[in-house]
Amino acid sequence: MSSAEPLRPYVLDTGVTADRPVLTHDRAREAATARVPLLSERELDVFRLLAKGASNRTIAARLAITERTAKAHVAQILAKLEVESRLQAGIVGFAWESLARDRGEQGGTEAGPSPRLVETARR
Protein backbone atom coordinates (compact mmCIF):
# COMPACT_ATOMS: atom_id res chain seq x y z
CA MET A 1 0.00 0.00 0.00
CA SER A 2 1.43 3.39 -0.93
CA SER A 3 1.79 6.14 1.65
CA ALA A 4 -0.63 8.31 -0.34
CA GLU A 5 -3.39 5.72 -0.08
CA PRO A 6 -5.52 6.28 3.03
CA LEU A 7 -5.98 3.54 5.58
CA ARG A 8 -9.25 1.74 5.21
CA PRO A 9 -10.71 0.92 8.60
CA TYR A 10 -11.78 -2.62 9.36
CA VAL A 11 -15.28 -2.98 10.70
CA LEU A 12 -15.66 -5.67 13.31
CA ASP A 13 -18.83 -7.63 14.01
CA THR A 14 -19.27 -5.47 17.09
CA GLY A 15 -19.44 -2.34 14.94
CA VAL A 16 -16.07 -1.11 16.22
CA THR A 17 -13.59 0.05 13.60
CA ALA A 18 -9.82 -0.35 13.69
CA ASP A 19 -6.92 0.65 11.44
CA ARG A 20 -5.72 -2.96 11.23
CA PRO A 21 -7.20 -6.42 11.56
CA VAL A 22 -8.01 -7.30 15.14
CA LEU A 23 -8.05 -10.87 16.35
CA THR A 24 -11.15 -11.83 18.22
CA HIS A 25 -10.73 -13.89 21.36
CA ASP A 26 -11.73 -17.07 19.55
CA ARG A 27 -9.34 -16.50 16.66
CA ALA A 28 -6.50 -15.57 19.02
CA ARG A 29 -7.10 -18.69 21.10
CA GLU A 30 -7.23 -20.86 17.96
CA ALA A 31 -3.99 -19.33 16.69
CA ALA A 32 -2.18 -19.95 19.97
CA THR A 33 -3.64 -23.45 20.34
CA ALA A 34 -2.36 -24.30 16.86
CA ARG A 35 1.18 -23.52 18.09
CA VAL A 36 1.05 -25.96 21.03
CA PRO A 37 2.71 -28.73 18.95
CA LEU A 38 5.84 -26.55 18.80
CA LEU A 39 6.44 -27.22 22.49
CA SER A 40 9.00 -29.80 23.60
CA GLU A 41 7.91 -32.69 25.83
CA ARG A 42 9.21 -30.90 28.95
CA GLU A 43 7.53 -27.66 27.91
CA LEU A 44 4.28 -29.62 27.52
CA ASP A 45 4.67 -30.83 31.11
CA VAL A 46 5.06 -27.23 32.27
CA PHE A 47 2.25 -26.09 29.95
CA ARG A 48 -0.18 -28.60 31.49
CA LEU A 49 0.63 -27.26 34.95
CA LEU A 50 0.22 -23.67 33.74
CA ALA A 51 -3.26 -24.63 32.53
CA LYS A 52 -4.04 -25.54 36.13
CA GLY A 53 -2.74 -22.17 37.38
CA ALA A 54 0.46 -23.50 38.95
CA SER A 55 3.15 -21.06 40.10
CA ASN A 56 6.81 -21.42 39.11
CA ARG A 57 7.50 -22.80 42.59
CA THR A 58 4.76 -25.43 42.24
CA ILE A 59 5.92 -26.35 38.73
CA ALA A 60 9.48 -26.74 40.01
CA ALA A 61 8.39 -28.97 42.89
CA ARG A 62 6.11 -31.16 40.75
CA LEU A 63 8.72 -31.66 38.01
CA ALA A 64 11.77 -31.88 40.30
CA ILE A 65 13.52 -28.91 38.65
CA THR A 66 14.74 -25.59 39.99
CA GLU A 67 12.46 -22.57 40.08
CA ARG A 68 14.84 -20.83 37.68
CA THR A 69 14.46 -23.69 35.19
CA ALA A 70 10.67 -23.57 35.56
CA LYS A 71 10.77 -19.83 34.86
CA ALA A 72 12.91 -20.44 31.75
CA HIS A 73 10.43 -23.06 30.48
CA VAL A 74 7.54 -20.66 31.04
CA ALA A 75 9.39 -17.94 29.09
CA GLN A 76 9.96 -20.36 26.20
CA ILE A 77 6.29 -21.38 26.23
CA LEU A 78 5.17 -17.74 26.10
CA ALA A 79 7.48 -17.09 23.16
CA LYS A 80 6.46 -20.20 21.22
CA LEU A 81 2.74 -19.63 21.76
CA GLU A 82 3.17 -15.91 21.02
CA VAL A 83 1.26 -14.88 24.13
CA GLU A 84 2.16 -12.10 26.53
CA SER A 85 1.47 -13.57 29.95
CA ARG A 86 1.31 -16.81 31.87
CA LEU A 87 -2.41 -16.15 32.29
CA GLN A 88 -2.84 -16.17 28.51
CA ALA A 89 -0.74 -19.34 28.29
CA GLY A 90 -2.92 -20.89 30.99
CA ILE A 91 -6.06 -20.03 29.04
CA VAL A 92 -4.58 -21.60 25.91
CA GLY A 93 -3.67 -24.66 27.99
CA PHE A 94 -7.21 -24.91 29.31
CA ALA A 95 -8.55 -24.63 25.74
CA TRP A 96 -6.06 -27.29 24.58
CA GLU A 97 -7.20 -29.70 27.29
CA SER A 98 -10.86 -28.97 26.50
CA LEU A 99 -10.18 -29.69 22.84
CA ALA A 100 -8.73 -33.08 23.78
CA ARG A 101 -11.78 -33.89 25.90
CA ASP A 102 -14.17 -32.71 23.16
CA ARG A 103 -12.48 -35.00 20.66
CA GLY A 104 -12.99 -37.89 23.06
CA GLU A 105 -9.28 -38.57 22.96
CA GLN A 106 -8.46 -41.86 24.68
CA GLY A 107 -5.36 -42.12 26.82
CA GLY A 108 -5.42 -38.48 27.95
CA THR A 109 -4.53 -37.84 31.54
CA GLU A 110 -5.76 -35.46 34.17
CA ALA A 111 -2.69 -33.37 33.28
CA GLY A 112 -3.70 -32.87 29.66
CA PRO A 113 -4.09 -34.37 26.21
CA SER A 114 -2.49 -37.66 25.42
CA PRO A 115 0.89 -37.71 23.68
CA ARG A 116 -0.92 -39.20 20.66
CA LEU A 117 -3.07 -36.06 20.30
CA VAL A 118 0.01 -33.87 20.58
CA GLU A 119 1.88 -35.96 17.99
CA THR A 120 -1.11 -35.88 15.62
CA ALA A 121 -1.31 -32.09 15.93
CA ARG A 122 2.42 -31.79 15.16
CA ARG A 123 1.96 -33.41 11.74
C-alpha atoms as a PDB file:
ATOM      1  CA  MET A   1       0.000   0.000   0.000  1.00  0.00           C
ATOM      2  CA  SER A   2       1.431   3.385  -0.928  1.00  0.00           C
ATOM      3  CA  SER A   3       1.792   6.135   1.651  1.00  0.00           C
ATOM      4  CA  ALA A   4      -0.629   8.313  -0.343  1.00  0.00           C
ATOM      5  CA  GLU A   5      -3.388   5.723  -0.083  1.00  0.00           C
ATOM      6  CA  PRO A   6      -5.518   6.277   3.029  1.00  0.00           C
ATOM      7  CA  LEU A   7      -5.983   3.538   5.578  1.00  0.00           C
ATOM      8  CA  ARG A   8      -9.250   1.739   5.214  1.00  0.00           C
ATOM      9  CA  PRO A   9     -10.710   0.919   8.598  1.00  0.00           C
ATOM     10  CA  TYR A  10     -11.775  -2.623   9.365  1.00  0.00           C
ATOM     11  CA  VAL A  11     -15.284  -2.983  10.699  1.00  0.00           C
ATOM     12  CA  LEU A  12     -15.661  -5.670  13.307  1.00  0.00           C
ATOM     13  CA  ASP A  13     -18.829  -7.626  14.005  1.00  0.00           C
ATOM     14  CA  THR A  14     -19.274  -5.474  17.086  1.00  0.00           C
ATOM     15  CA  GLY A  15     -19.445  -2.338  14.944  1.00  0.00           C
ATOM     16  CA  VAL A  16     -16.067  -1.115  16.223  1.00  0.00           C
ATOM     17  CA  THR A  17     -13.586   0.048  13.601  1.00  0.00           C
ATOM     18  CA  ALA A  18      -9.818  -0.355  13.688  1.00  0.00           C
ATOM     19  CA  ASP A  19      -6.917   0.646  11.443  1.00  0.00           C
ATOM     20  CA  ARG A  20      -5.718  -2.961  11.227  1.00  0.00           C
ATOM     21  CA  PRO A  21      -7.202  -6.420  11.558  1.00  0.00           C
ATOM     22  CA  VAL A  22      -8.015  -7.298  15.140  1.00  0.00           C
ATOM     23  CA  LEU A  23      -8.045 -10.873  16.351  1.00  0.00           C
ATOM     24  CA  THR A  24     -11.151 -11.833  18.217  1.00  0.00           C
ATOM     25  CA  HIS A  25     -10.731 -13.890  21.363  1.00  0.00           C
ATOM     26  CA  ASP A  26     -11.735 -17.067  19.555  1.00  0.00           C
ATOM     27  CA  ARG A  27      -9.341 -16.503  16.661  1.00  0.00           C
ATOM     28  CA  ALA A  28      -6.498 -15.569  19.015  1.00  0.00           C
ATOM     29  CA  ARG A  29      -7.096 -18.693  21.097  1.00  0.00           C
ATOM     30  CA  GLU A  30      -7.230 -20.858  17.964  1.00  0.00           C
ATOM     31  CA  ALA A  31      -3.986 -19.327  16.689  1.00  0.00           C
ATOM     32  CA  ALA A  32      -2.176 -19.953  19.969  1.00  0.00           C
ATOM     33  CA  THR A  33      -3.645 -23.453  20.341  1.00  0.00           C
ATOM     34  CA  ALA A  34      -2.355 -24.302  16.856  1.00  0.00           C
ATOM     35  CA  ARG A  35       1.180 -23.520  18.093  1.00  0.00           C
ATOM     36  CA  VAL A  36       1.053 -25.963  21.034  1.00  0.00           C
ATOM     37  CA  PRO A  37       2.709 -28.729  18.951  1.00  0.00           C
ATOM     38  CA  LEU A  38       5.841 -26.548  18.804  1.00  0.00           C
ATOM     39  CA  LEU A  39       6.442 -27.223  22.494  1.00  0.00           C
ATOM     40  CA  SER A  40       8.997 -29.800  23.603  1.00  0.00           C
ATOM     41  CA  GLU A  41       7.913 -32.694  25.834  1.00  0.00           C
ATOM     42  CA  ARG A  42       9.206 -30.899  28.953  1.00  0.00           C
ATOM     43  CA  GLU A  43       7.531 -27.659  27.915  1.00  0.00           C
ATOM     44  CA  LEU A  44       4.277 -29.619  27.525  1.00  0.00           C
ATOM     45  CA  ASP A  45       4.670 -30.828  31.107  1.00  0.00           C
ATOM     46  CA  VAL A  46       5.059 -27.229  32.267  1.00  0.00           C
ATOM     47  CA  PHE A  47       2.246 -26.090  29.951  1.00  0.00           C
ATOM     48  CA  ARG A  48      -0.176 -28.597  31.494  1.00  0.00           C
ATOM     49  CA  LEU A  49       0.631 -27.263  34.949  1.00  0.00           C
ATOM     50  CA  LEU A  50       0.220 -23.674  33.738  1.00  0.00           C
ATOM     51  CA  ALA A  51      -3.256 -24.626  32.534  1.00  0.00           C
ATOM     52  CA  LYS A  52      -4.041 -25.543  36.135  1.00  0.00           C
ATOM     53  CA  GLY A  53      -2.739 -22.171  37.384  1.00  0.00           C
ATOM     54  CA  ALA A  54       0.465 -23.499  38.947  1.00  0.00           C
ATOM     55  CA  SER A  55       3.146 -21.059  40.097  1.00  0.00           C
ATOM     56  CA  ASN A  56       6.807 -21.421  39.110  1.00  0.00           C
ATOM     57  CA  ARG A  57       7.504 -22.804  42.593  1.00  0.00           C
ATOM     58  CA  THR A  58       4.760 -25.426  42.237  1.00  0.00           C
ATOM     59  CA  ILE A  59       5.918 -26.346  38.734  1.00  0.00           C
ATOM     60  CA  ALA A  60       9.475 -26.744  40.008  1.00  0.00           C
ATOM     61  CA  ALA A  61       8.392 -28.970  42.891  1.00  0.00           C
ATOM     62  CA  ARG A  62       6.105 -31.161  40.752  1.00  0.00           C
ATOM     63  CA  LEU A  63       8.719 -31.659  38.009  1.00  0.00           C
ATOM     64  CA  ALA A  64      11.772 -31.885  40.300  1.00  0.00           C
ATOM     65  CA  ILE A  65      13.515 -28.915  38.651  1.00  0.00           C
ATOM     66  CA  THR A  66      14.735 -25.588  39.986  1.00  0.00           C
ATOM     67  CA  GLU A  67      12.464 -22.574  40.085  1.00  0.00           C
ATOM     68  CA  ARG A  68      14.837 -20.833  37.679  1.00  0.00           C
ATOM     69  CA  THR A  69      14.455 -23.691  35.186  1.00  0.00           C
ATOM     70  CA  ALA A  70      10.666 -23.567  35.562  1.00  0.00           C
ATOM     71  CA  LYS A  71      10.768 -19.833  34.856  1.00  0.00           C
ATOM     72  CA  ALA A  72      12.912 -20.445  31.749  1.00  0.00           C
ATOM     73  CA  HIS A  73      10.432 -23.065  30.480  1.00  0.00           C
ATOM     74  CA  VAL A  74       7.541 -20.655  31.039  1.00  0.00           C
ATOM     75  CA  ALA A  75       9.389 -17.938  29.092  1.00  0.00           C
ATOM     76  CA  GLN A  76       9.957 -20.364  26.200  1.00  0.00           C
ATOM     77  CA  ILE A  77       6.293 -21.375  26.231  1.00  0.00           C
ATOM     78  CA  LEU A  78       5.167 -17.737  26.104  1.00  0.00           C
ATOM     79  CA  ALA A  79       7.481 -17.089  23.163  1.00  0.00           C
ATOM     80  CA  LYS A  80       6.462 -20.202  21.224  1.00  0.00           C
ATOM     81  CA  LEU A  81       2.743 -19.627  21.760  1.00  0.00           C
ATOM     82  CA  GLU A  82       3.173 -15.910  21.016  1.00  0.00           C
ATOM     83  CA  VAL A  83       1.259 -14.881  24.128  1.00  0.00           C
ATOM     84  CA  GLU A  84       2.161 -12.096  26.534  1.00  0.00           C
ATOM     85  CA  SER A  85       1.474 -13.568  29.953  1.00  0.00           C
ATOM     86  CA  ARG A  86       1.313 -16.810  31.871  1.00  0.00           C
ATOM     87  CA  LEU A  87      -2.410 -16.147  32.293  1.00  0.00           C
ATOM     88  CA  GLN A  88      -2.842 -16.175  28.507  1.00  0.00           C
ATOM     89  CA  ALA A  89      -0.740 -19.342  28.293  1.00  0.00           C
ATOM     90  CA  GLY A  90      -2.919 -20.893  30.988  1.00  0.00           C
ATOM     91  CA  ILE A  91      -6.057 -20.034  29.040  1.00  0.00           C
ATOM     92  CA  VAL A  92      -4.579 -21.605  25.908  1.00  0.00           C
ATOM     93  CA  GLY A  93      -3.674 -24.658  27.989  1.00  0.00           C
ATOM     94  CA  PHE A  94      -7.207 -24.906  29.309  1.00  0.00           C
ATOM     95  CA  ALA A  95      -8.551 -24.633  25.737  1.00  0.00           C
ATOM     96  CA  TRP A  96      -6.059 -27.288  24.578  1.00  0.00           C
ATOM     97  CA  GLU A  97      -7.198 -29.698  27.292  1.00  0.00           C
ATOM     98  CA  SER A  98     -10.855 -28.970  26.505  1.00  0.00           C
ATOM     99  CA  LEU A  99     -10.179 -29.693  22.844  1.00  0.00           C
ATOM    100  CA  ALA A 100      -8.728 -33.078  23.777  1.00  0.00           C
ATOM    101  CA  ARG A 101     -11.782 -33.894  25.901  1.00  0.00           C
ATOM    102  CA  ASP A 102     -14.174 -32.713  23.160  1.00  0.00           C
ATOM    103  CA  ARG A 103     -12.478 -34.996  20.657  1.00  0.00           C
ATOM    104  CA  GLY A 104     -12.988 -37.885  23.063  1.00  0.00           C
ATOM    105  CA  GLU A 105      -9.276 -38.572  22.961  1.00  0.00           C
ATOM    106  CA  GLN A 106      -8.458 -41.857  24.679  1.00  0.00           C
ATOM    107  CA  GLY A 107      -5.362 -42.115  26.819  1.00  0.00           C
ATOM    108  CA  GLY A 108      -5.423 -38.481  27.949  1.00  0.00           C
ATOM    109  CA  THR A 109      -4.529 -37.837  31.542  1.00  0.00           C
ATOM    110  CA  GLU A 110      -5.763 -35.464  34.170  1.00  0.00           C
ATOM    111  CA  ALA A 111      -2.694 -33.369  33.280  1.00  0.00           C
ATOM    112  CA  GLY A 112      -3.699 -32.867  29.660  1.00  0.00           C
ATOM    113  CA  PRO A 113      -4.095 -34.367  26.213  1.00  0.00           C
ATOM    114  CA  SER A 114      -2.488 -37.657  25.423  1.00  0.00           C
ATOM    115  CA  PRO A 115       0.893 -37.710  23.683  1.00  0.00           C
ATOM    116  CA  ARG A 116      -0.920 -39.199  20.657  1.00  0.00           C
ATOM    117  CA  LEU A 117      -3.071 -36.063  20.299  1.00  0.00           C
ATOM    118  CA  VAL A 118       0.015 -33.866  20.579  1.00  0.00           C
ATOM    119  CA  GLU A 119       1.878 -35.963  17.994  1.00  0.00           C
ATOM    120  CA  THR A 120      -1.110 -35.876  15.625  1.00  0.00           C
ATOM    121  CA  ALA A 121      -1.309 -32.086  15.933  1.00  0.00           C
ATOM    122  CA  ARG A 122       2.420 -31.792  15.162  1.00  0.00           C
ATOM    123  CA  ARG A 123       1.961 -33.409  11.743  1.00  0.00           C
END
